[in-house]
Amino acid sequence: MDTIASMTSHDARDAFGALLQRHSRIVFKIAGSYARGSEDRADLAQEIAAQLWRAWPHYDPARSVTTWMYRIALNVAIGHLRQQDVRRRHDAVPLDDALHDVPDGNAIDPEHAQQLRLLHGFIARQPPLDRALLLLYLDDRPQREIAEVLGITESNVSTKIGRLKQRLRDSF
């Protein structure tokens, strides 16, 4: 298999497009958790995709593509948050069900839907690093990958997850 650097620009575009399509859930999950309103989410998702494209020539295929994507997407999203004013950053983020995992079927159990809204509200009120940690944890990413994505130690990940679980229990 060719390395990314040795691909023609057309092949690199095709490979990146296929990769982005396969893992688009990462982009939309991060954008949906870090941005308000559909236009803001779409803008953030576009910025994440653009940053992924800029970083694509430097991607090392020996490393996990999801770790690489999460790291870039979260860095872009956290940068996006930092550009917002302090008051707006602490408000709850309205979440659109279309951007989040919802069980298949015509309707979701109202109690389950309420629990999801409470969880999303809790996540939205967390500082950027804790929000990123929660998203990765809820996506069943291994602690080693979470540590690599966030640039912290595995023991720090474990400690932060424990504290977030306690905060979550205290909130409900």
C-alpha atoms as a PDB file:
ATOM      1  CA  MET A   1       0.000   0.000   0.000  1.00  0.00           C
ATOM      2  CA  ASP A   2       1.243   3.470  -0.867  1.00  0.00           C
ATOM      3  CA  THR A   3       2.036   5.917   1.881  1.00  0.00           C
ATOM      4  CA  ILE A   4      -0.057   9.055   1.892  1.00  0.00           C
ATOM      5  CA  ALA A   5       2.920  11.199   0.906  1.00  0.00           C
ATOM      6  CA  SER A   6       3.524   9.093  -2.216  1.00  0.00           C
ATOM      7  CA  MET A   7      -0.114   9.192  -3.438  1.00  0.00           C
ATOM      8  CA  THR A   8      -1.220  11.400  -6.282  1.00  0.00           C
ATOM      9  CA  SER A   9      -3.399  14.293  -5.173  1.00  0.00           C
ATOM     10  CA  HIS A  10      -6.433  12.568  -6.722  1.00  0.00           C
ATOM     11  CA  ASP A  11      -5.706   9.285  -4.876  1.00  0.00           C
ATOM     12  CA  ALA A  12      -5.065  11.166  -1.625  1.00  0.00           C
ATOM     13  CA  ARG A  13      -8.402  13.009  -2.002  1.00  0.00           C
ATOM     14  CA  ASP A  14     -10.222   9.743  -2.672  1.00  0.00           C
ATOM     15  CA  ALA A  15      -8.559   7.985   0.267  1.00  0.00           C
ATOM     16  CA  PHE A  16      -9.323  10.901   2.579  1.00  0.00           C
ATOM     17  CA  GLY A  17     -12.930  11.110   1.350  1.00  0.00           C
ATOM     18  CA  ALA A  18     -13.451   7.406   2.024  1.00  0.00           C
ATOM     19  CA  LEU A  19     -11.861   7.722   5.465  1.00  0.00           C
ATOM     20  CA  LEU A  20     -13.997  10.733   6.371  1.00  0.00           C
ATOM     21  CA  GLN A  21     -17.126   8.950   5.171  1.00  0.00           C
ATOM     22  CA  ARG A  22     -16.323   5.825   7.227  1.00  0.00           C
ATOM     23  CA  HIS A  23     -15.634   7.834  10.380  1.00  0.00           C
ATOM     24  CA  SER A  24     -18.008  10.780   9.926  1.00  0.00           C
ATOM     25  CA  ARG A  25     -19.717   9.861  13.199  1.00  0.00           C
ATOM     26  CA  ILE A  26     -16.649  11.145  15.077  1.00  0.00           C
ATOM     27  CA  VAL A  27     -16.858  14.546  13.366  1.00  0.00           C
ATOM     28  CA  PHE A  28     -20.599  14.926  13.916  1.00  0.00           C
ATOM     29  CA  LYS A  29     -20.457  13.707  17.509  1.00  0.00           C
ATOM     30  CA  ILE A  30     -17.763  16.238  18.410  1.00  0.00           C
ATOM     31  CA  ALA A  31     -19.449  19.062  16.482  1.00  0.00           C
ATOM     32  CA  GLY A  32     -22.798  18.229  18.097  1.00  0.00           C
ATOM     33  CA  SER A  33     -21.274  18.332  21.557  1.00  0.00           C
ATOM     34  CA  TYR A  34     -19.215  21.498  21.189  1.00  0.00           C
ATOM     35  CA  ALA A  35     -21.405  23.786  19.082  1.00  0.00           C
ATOM     36  CA  ARG A  36     -24.813  25.399  19.372  1.00  0.00           C
ATOM     37  CA  GLY A  37     -27.515  25.380  16.767  1.00  0.00           C
ATOM     38  CA  SER A  38     -27.478  23.595  13.449  1.00  0.00           C
ATOM     39  CA  GLU A  39     -25.502  26.278  11.598  1.00  0.00           C
ATOM     40  CA  ASP A  40     -22.806  26.454  14.268  1.00  0.00           C
ATOM     41  CA  ARG A  41     -22.564  22.635  14.328  1.00  0.00           C
ATOM     42  CA  ALA A  42     -22.291  22.531  10.540  1.00  0.00           C
ATOM     43  CA  ASP A  43     -19.569  25.203  10.604  1.00  0.00           C
ATOM     44  CA  LEU A  44     -17.637  23.332  13.295  1.00  0.00           C
ATOM     45  CA  ALA A  45     -17.979  20.008  11.442  1.00  0.00           C
ATOM     46  CA  GLN A  46     -16.675  21.725   8.293  1.00  0.00           C
ATOM     47  CA  GLU A  47     -13.728  23.208  10.196  1.00  0.00           C
ATOM     48  CA  ILE A  48     -12.925  19.800  11.688  1.00  0.00           C
ATOM     49  CA  ALA A  49     -13.010  18.224   8.217  1.00  0.00           C
ATOM     50  CA  ALA A  50     -10.771  20.997   6.865  1.00  0.00           C
ATOM     51  CA  GLN A  51      -8.248  20.503   9.665  1.00  0.00           C
ATOM     52  CA  LEU A  52      -8.307  16.739   9.115  1.00  0.00           C
ATOM     53  CA  TRP A  53      -7.609  17.342   5.413  1.00  0.00           C
ATOM     54  CA  ARG A  54      -4.687  19.673   6.246  1.00  0.00           C
ATOM     55  CA  ALA A  55      -3.256  17.048   8.593  1.00  0.00           C
ATOM     56  CA  TRP A  56      -3.907  14.125   6.223  1.00  0.00           C
ATOM     57  CA  PRO A  57      -0.497  14.221   4.467  1.00  0.00           C
ATOM     58  CA  HIS A  58       1.171  13.820   7.863  1.00  0.00           C
ATOM     59  CA  TYR A  59      -1.010  10.947   9.094  1.00  0.00           C
ATOM     60  CA  ASP A  60       1.040   7.874  10.020  1.00  0.00           C
ATOM     61  CA  PRO A  61      -0.879   4.765   8.858  1.00  0.00           C
ATOM     62  CA  ALA A  62       0.910   2.739  11.560  1.00  0.00           C
ATOM     63  CA  ARG A  63      -1.188   4.612  14.158  1.00  0.00           C
ATOM     64  CA  SER A  64      -4.910   4.345  14.893  1.00  0.00           C
ATOM     65  CA  VAL A  65      -6.945   6.485  12.520  1.00  0.00           C
ATOM     66  CA  THR A  66      -9.680   7.026  15.118  1.00  0.00           C
ATOM     67  CA  THR A  67      -7.180   8.303  17.685  1.00  0.00           C
ATOM     68  CA  TRP A  68      -5.762  10.689  15.077  1.00  0.00           C
ATOM     69  CA  MET A  69      -9.247  11.900  14.105  1.00  0.00           C
ATOM     70  CA  TYR A  70     -10.423  12.340  17.694  1.00  0.00           C
ATOM     71  CA  ARG A  71      -7.301  14.270  18.609  1.00  0.00           C
ATOM     72  CA  ILE A  72      -7.696  16.720  15.724  1.00  0.00           C
ATOM     73  CA  ALA A  73     -11.486  17.017  16.065  1.00  0.00           C
ATOM     74  CA  LEU A  74     -11.289  17.682  19.799  1.00  0.00           C
ATOM     75  CA  ASN A  75      -8.491  20.218  19.397  1.00  0.00           C
ATOM     76  CA  VAL A  76     -10.552  22.091  16.800  1.00  0.00           C
ATOM     77  CA  ALA A  77     -13.678  21.901  18.952  1.00  0.00           C
ATOM     78  CA  ILE A  78     -11.893  23.092  22.085  1.00  0.00           C
ATOM     79  CA  GLY A  79     -10.386  25.954  20.085  1.00  0.00           C
ATOM     80  CA  HIS A  80     -13.900  26.766  18.894  1.00  0.00           C
ATOM     81  CA  LEU A  81     -15.100  26.934  22.491  1.00  0.00           C
ATOM     82  CA  ARG A  82     -12.259  29.204  23.489  1.00  0.00           C
ATOM     83  CA  GLN A  83     -13.387  31.666  20.831  1.00  0.00           C
ATOM     84  CA  GLN A  84     -16.809  31.948  22.469  1.00  0.00           C
ATOM     85  CA  ASP A  85     -17.454  34.390  25.303  1.00  0.00           C
ATOM     86  CA  VAL A  86     -17.431  33.019  28.875  1.00  0.00           C
ATOM     87  CA  ARG A  87     -21.178  33.382  29.467  1.00  0.00           C
ATOM     88  CA  ARG A  88     -22.070  31.502  26.311  1.00  0.00           C
ATOM     89  CA  ARG A  89     -19.537  28.756  27.040  1.00  0.00           C
ATOM     90  CA  HIS A  90     -21.267  27.889  30.330  1.00  0.00           C
ATOM     91  CA  ASP A  91     -24.804  27.680  28.961  1.00  0.00           C
ATOM     92  CA  ALA A  92     -26.258  24.278  28.141  1.00  0.00           C
ATOM     93  CA  VAL A  93     -25.759  23.240  24.543  1.00  0.00           C
ATOM     94  CA  PRO A  94     -29.045  22.421  22.813  1.00  0.00           C
ATOM     95  CA  LEU A  95     -28.638  19.027  21.222  1.00  0.00           C
ATOM     96  CA  ASP A  96     -30.315  17.819  18.093  1.00  0.00           C
ATOM     97  CA  ASP A  97     -31.424  14.157  18.264  1.00  0.00           C
ATOM     98  CA  ALA A  98     -30.484  13.714  14.606  1.00  0.00           C
ATOM     99  CA  LEU A  99     -26.802  14.104  15.490  1.00  0.00           C
ATOM    100  CA  HIS A 100     -26.762  11.583  18.303  1.00  0.00           C
ATOM    101  CA  ASP A 101     -27.110   7.853  18.605  1.00  0.00           C
ATOM    102  CA  VAL A 102     -30.771   6.996  19.034  1.00  0.00           C
ATOM    103  CA  PRO A 103     -32.003   3.396  19.110  1.00  0.00           C
ATOM    104  CA  ASP A 104     -33.520   2.126  15.897  1.00  0.00           C
ATOM    105  CA  GLY A 105     -37.272   2.070  15.755  1.00  0.00           C
ATOM    106  CA  ASN A 106     -40.104   4.510  15.453  1.00  0.00           C
ATOM    107  CA  ALA A 107     -39.980   5.890  18.984  1.00  0.00           C
ATOM    108  CA  ILE A 108     -37.646   5.959  21.933  1.00  0.00           C
ATOM    109  CA  ASP A 109     -38.888   5.255  25.449  1.00  0.00           C
ATOM    110  CA  PRO A 110     -39.751   8.670  26.991  1.00  0.00           C
ATOM    111  CA  GLU A 111     -37.886   7.819  30.210  1.00  0.00           C
ATOM    112  CA  HIS A 112     -34.793   6.840  28.236  1.00  0.00           C
ATOM    113  CA  ALA A 113     -35.093  10.028  26.157  1.00  0.00           C
ATOM    114  CA  GLN A 114     -35.226  12.085  29.369  1.00  0.00           C
ATOM    115  CA  GLN A 115     -32.141  10.298  30.727  1.00  0.00           C
ATOM    116  CA  LEU A 116     -30.297  11.055  27.479  1.00  0.00           C
ATOM    117  CA  ARG A 117     -31.280  14.741  27.683  1.00  0.00           C
ATOM    118  CA  LEU A 118     -30.022  14.911  31.278  1.00  0.00           C
ATOM    119  CA  LEU A 119     -26.749  13.204  30.318  1.00  0.00           C
ATOM    120  CA  HIS A 120     -26.246  15.529  27.338  1.00  0.00           C
ATOM    121  CA  GLY A 121     -26.956  18.529  29.551  1.00  0.00           C
ATOM    122  CA  PHE A 122     -24.436  17.297  32.121  1.00  0.00           C
ATOM    123  CA  ILE A 123     -21.798  16.810  29.401  1.00  0.00           C
ATOM    124  CA  ALA A 124     -22.488  20.260  27.951  1.00  0.00           C
ATOM    125  CA  ARG A 125     -21.845  21.909  31.333  1.00  0.00           C
ATOM    126  CA  GLN A 126     -18.404  20.332  31.751  1.00  0.00           C
ATOM    127  CA  PRO A 127     -15.138  22.135  30.997  1.00  0.00           C
ATOM    128  CA  PRO A 128     -13.696  21.325  27.551  1.00  0.00           C
ATOM    129  CA  LEU A 129     -11.197  18.676  28.682  1.00  0.00           C
ATOM    130  CA  ASP A 130     -13.760  16.850  30.842  1.00  0.00           C
ATOM    131  CA  ARG A 131     -16.306  17.010  28.011  1.00  0.00           C
ATOM    132  CA  ALA A 132     -13.784  15.464  25.632  1.00  0.00           C
ATOM    133  CA  LEU A 133     -12.941  12.785  28.190  1.00  0.00           C
ATOM    134  CA  LEU A 134     -16.613  11.929  28.674  1.00  0.00           C
ATOM    135  CA  LEU A 135     -17.271  11.707  24.940  1.00  0.00           C
ATOM    136  CA  LEU A 136     -14.348   9.361  24.433  1.00  0.00           C
ATOM    137  CA  TYR A 137     -15.286   7.280  27.491  1.00  0.00           C
ATOM    138  CA  LEU A 138     -18.930   6.982  26.382  1.00  0.00           C
ATOM    139  CA  ASP A 139     -17.694   5.933  22.943  1.00  0.00           C
ATOM    140  CA  ASP A 140     -15.921   2.990  24.654  1.00  0.00           C
ATOM    141  CA  ARG A 141     -12.437   4.175  23.709  1.00  0.00           C
ATOM    142  CA  PRO A 142      -9.684   2.417  25.684  1.00  0.00           C
ATOM    143  CA  GLN A 143      -8.027   4.454  28.441  1.00  0.00           C
ATOM    144  CA  ARG A 144      -4.714   4.297  26.593  1.00  0.00           C
ATOM    145  CA  GLU A 145      -6.323   5.889  23.515  1.00  0.00           C
ATOM    146  CA  ILE A 146      -8.109   8.522  25.600  1.00  0.00           C
ATOM    147  CA  ALA A 147      -4.779   9.412  27.216  1.00  0.00           C
ATOM    148  CA  GLU A 148      -3.096   9.669  23.822  1.00  0.00           C
ATOM    149  CA  VAL A 149      -5.890  11.783  22.309  1.00  0.00           C
ATOM    150  CA  LEU A 150      -5.999  14.186  25.264  1.00  0.00           C
ATOM    151  CA  GLY A 151      -2.266  14.249  25.947  1.00  0.00           C
ATOM    152  CA  ILE A 152      -2.587  13.120  29.557  1.00  0.00           C
ATOM    153  CA  THR A 153      -1.460   9.976  31.400  1.00  0.00           C
ATOM    154  CA  GLU A 154      -3.591   6.841  31.666  1.00  0.00           C
ATOM    155  CA  SER A 155      -3.680   7.210  35.448  1.00  0.00           C
ATOM    156  CA  ASN A 156      -4.938  10.788  35.013  1.00  0.00           C
ATOM    157  CA  VAL A 157      -7.650   9.465  32.682  1.00  0.00           C
ATOM    158  CA  SER A 158      -8.686   6.906  35.303  1.00  0.00           C
ATOM    159  CA  THR A 159      -8.765   9.525  38.063  1.00  0.00           C
ATOM    160  CA  LYS A 160     -10.741  12.014  35.967  1.00  0.00           C
ATOM    161  CA  ILE A 161     -13.260   9.345  34.911  1.00  0.00           C
ATOM    162  CA  GLY A 162     -13.808   8.394  38.545  1.00  0.00           C
ATOM    163  CA  ARG A 163     -14.362  12.031  39.520  1.00  0.00           C
ATOM    164  CA  LEU A 164     -16.719  12.612  36.591  1.00  0.00           C
ATOM    165  CA  LYS A 165     -18.744   9.528  37.507  1.00  0.00           C
ATOM    166  CA  GLN A 166     -19.062  10.847  41.065  1.00  0.00           C
ATOM    167  CA  ARG A 167     -20.068  14.303  39.790  1.00  0.00           C
ATOM    168  CA  LEU A 168     -22.652  12.630  37.569  1.00  0.00           C
ATOM    169  CA  ARG A 169     -24.047  10.595  40.487  1.00  0.00           C
ATOM    170  CA  ASP A 170     -24.189  13.766  42.615  1.00  0.00           C
ATOM    171  CA  SER A 171     -26.042  15.619  39.844  1.00  0.00           C
ATOM    172  CA  PHE A 172     -28.812  13.062  39.622  1.00  0.00           C
END
